[in-house]
Amino acid sequence: MDSKTCAACDCELEADIITVTIGGRTVEVCCNACALALGEAQAAIAGSEA
C-alpha cells in the first residue's frame, strides 16, 4: 500500500484528509494549519505577481 503525505509538511496522511485547491491544482493536507499555510503561500505568490 502506498502511503500519501501532506503537501505542506510531508507528514503521513491519516483518515481525515483535507483537500485544498492551490493554483488550480488539488492537493491533500493533514490538518487545518497546513491548509491555511498553503493558502497563505498561494496568496503571497499571487501578490508578488501583481
N, C-alpha and C. Protein backbone atom coordinates (compact mmCIF):
# COMPACT_ATOMS: atom_id res chain seq x y z
N MET A 1 0.84 -1.19 0.00
CA MET A 1 0.00 0.00 0.00
C MET A 1 0.88 1.25 0.00
N ASP A 2 0.58 2.17 -0.89
CA ASP A 2 1.33 3.42 -0.94
C ASP A 2 0.80 4.38 0.11
N SER A 3 1.69 4.98 0.87
CA SER A 3 1.25 5.98 1.84
C SER A 3 1.35 7.35 1.20
N LYS A 4 0.37 8.18 1.47
CA LYS A 4 0.36 9.54 0.95
C LYS A 4 0.86 10.46 2.04
N THR A 5 1.45 11.58 1.62
CA THR A 5 1.94 12.55 2.59
C THR A 5 1.32 13.91 2.35
N CYS A 6 1.32 14.72 3.38
CA CYS A 6 0.78 16.07 3.35
C CYS A 6 1.59 16.93 2.39
N ALA A 7 0.90 17.73 1.59
CA ALA A 7 1.56 18.61 0.63
C ALA A 7 2.32 19.75 1.32
N ALA A 8 1.97 20.05 2.56
CA ALA A 8 2.62 21.16 3.26
C ALA A 8 3.76 20.71 4.17
N CYS A 9 3.53 19.67 4.98
CA CYS A 9 4.53 19.30 5.99
C CYS A 9 5.15 17.93 5.77
N ASP A 10 4.68 17.19 4.78
CA ASP A 10 5.21 15.88 4.42
C ASP A 10 4.93 14.79 5.47
N CYS A 11 4.00 15.06 6.39
CA CYS A 11 3.59 14.03 7.35
C CYS A 11 2.68 13.03 6.63
N GLU A 12 2.64 11.81 7.13
CA GLU A 12 1.78 10.80 6.54
C GLU A 12 0.32 11.18 6.76
N LEU A 13 -0.50 11.06 5.70
CA LEU A 13 -1.91 11.40 5.80
C LEU A 13 -2.68 10.27 6.48
N GLU A 14 -3.60 10.64 7.34
CA GLU A 14 -4.44 9.68 8.06
C GLU A 14 -5.83 9.69 7.43
N ALA A 15 -6.83 9.29 8.16
CA ALA A 15 -8.20 9.16 7.64
C ALA A 15 -8.85 10.52 7.35
N ASP A 16 -8.56 11.53 8.15
CA ASP A 16 -9.23 12.83 7.99
C ASP A 16 -8.39 13.78 7.13
N ILE A 17 -8.37 13.52 5.84
CA ILE A 17 -7.63 14.31 4.87
C ILE A 17 -8.43 15.55 4.49
N ILE A 18 -7.74 16.66 4.34
CA ILE A 18 -8.35 17.90 3.88
C ILE A 18 -7.84 18.16 2.46
N THR A 19 -8.76 18.42 1.54
CA THR A 19 -8.41 18.69 0.16
C THR A 19 -8.42 20.19 -0.08
N VAL A 20 -7.35 20.72 -0.66
CA VAL A 20 -7.20 22.15 -0.90
C VAL A 20 -6.83 22.35 -2.37
N THR A 21 -7.39 23.39 -3.00
CA THR A 21 -7.03 23.72 -4.37
C THR A 21 -6.11 24.93 -4.34
N ILE A 22 -4.91 24.74 -4.87
CA ILE A 22 -3.90 25.79 -4.90
C ILE A 22 -3.46 25.98 -6.35
N GLY A 23 -3.65 27.16 -6.87
CA GLY A 23 -3.23 27.44 -8.24
C GLY A 23 -3.83 26.50 -9.26
N GLY A 24 -5.08 26.09 -9.04
CA GLY A 24 -5.76 25.20 -9.97
C GLY A 24 -5.43 23.73 -9.79
N ARG A 25 -4.58 23.41 -8.84
CA ARG A 25 -4.19 22.02 -8.58
C ARG A 25 -4.72 21.59 -7.22
N THR A 26 -5.31 20.41 -7.15
CA THR A 26 -5.85 19.90 -5.89
C THR A 26 -4.79 19.09 -5.18
N VAL A 27 -4.57 19.43 -3.90
CA VAL A 27 -3.60 18.71 -3.07
C VAL A 27 -4.28 18.30 -1.77
N GLU A 28 -3.67 17.36 -1.07
CA GLU A 28 -4.21 16.87 0.19
C GLU A 28 -3.28 17.25 1.33
N VAL A 29 -3.88 17.74 2.42
CA VAL A 29 -3.10 18.11 3.61
C VAL A 29 -3.66 17.40 4.83
N CYS A 30 -2.87 17.40 5.90
CA CYS A 30 -3.23 16.62 7.09
C CYS A 30 -4.10 17.38 8.09
N CYS A 31 -4.07 18.72 8.06
CA CYS A 31 -4.79 19.47 9.09
C CYS A 31 -5.12 20.89 8.59
N ASN A 32 -5.92 21.59 9.37
CA ASN A 32 -6.31 22.96 9.02
C ASN A 32 -5.10 23.90 8.99
N ALA A 33 -4.15 23.68 9.90
CA ALA A 33 -2.96 24.54 9.92
C ALA A 33 -2.19 24.45 8.61
N CYS A 34 -2.06 23.26 8.07
CA CYS A 34 -1.36 23.09 6.79
C CYS A 34 -2.18 23.69 5.65
N ALA A 35 -3.50 23.54 5.70
CA ALA A 35 -4.36 24.14 4.68
C ALA A 35 -4.21 25.66 4.69
N LEU A 36 -4.19 26.24 5.87
CA LEU A 36 -4.01 27.69 5.98
C LEU A 36 -2.63 28.11 5.49
N ALA A 37 -1.60 27.35 5.83
CA ALA A 37 -0.24 27.67 5.40
C ALA A 37 -0.14 27.68 3.88
N LEU A 38 -0.74 26.69 3.22
CA LEU A 38 -0.71 26.66 1.76
C LEU A 38 -1.50 27.82 1.17
N GLY A 39 -2.62 28.15 1.78
CA GLY A 39 -3.42 29.29 1.32
C GLY A 39 -2.66 30.59 1.43
N GLU A 40 -1.93 30.76 2.54
CA GLU A 40 -1.13 31.98 2.73
C GLU A 40 0.03 32.03 1.74
N ALA A 41 0.63 30.88 1.47
CA ALA A 41 1.71 30.84 0.49
C ALA A 41 1.19 31.21 -0.90
N GLN A 42 0.03 30.68 -1.25
CA GLN A 42 -0.57 30.99 -2.55
C GLN A 42 -0.89 32.48 -2.65
N ALA A 43 -1.41 33.07 -1.56
CA ALA A 43 -1.74 34.48 -1.57
C ALA A 43 -0.47 35.33 -1.73
N ALA A 44 0.62 34.92 -1.09
CA ALA A 44 1.87 35.65 -1.20
C ALA A 44 2.40 35.59 -2.63
N ILE A 45 2.31 34.43 -3.25
CA ILE A 45 2.76 34.27 -4.63
C ILE A 45 1.91 35.12 -5.55
N ALA A 46 0.59 35.08 -5.36
CA ALA A 46 -0.32 35.85 -6.21
C ALA A 46 -0.06 37.35 -6.03
N GLY A 47 0.24 37.77 -4.81
CA GLY A 47 0.51 39.18 -4.55
C GLY A 47 1.80 39.65 -5.19
N SER A 48 2.79 38.77 -5.29
CA SER A 48 4.06 39.16 -5.87
C SER A 48 4.01 39.21 -7.38
N GLU A 49 3.02 38.54 -7.98
CA GLU A 49 2.87 38.53 -9.44
C GLU A 49 2.09 39.73 -9.94
N ALA A 50 1.45 40.46 -9.04
CA ALA A 50 0.61 41.60 -9.45
C ALA A 50 1.43 42.78 -9.86
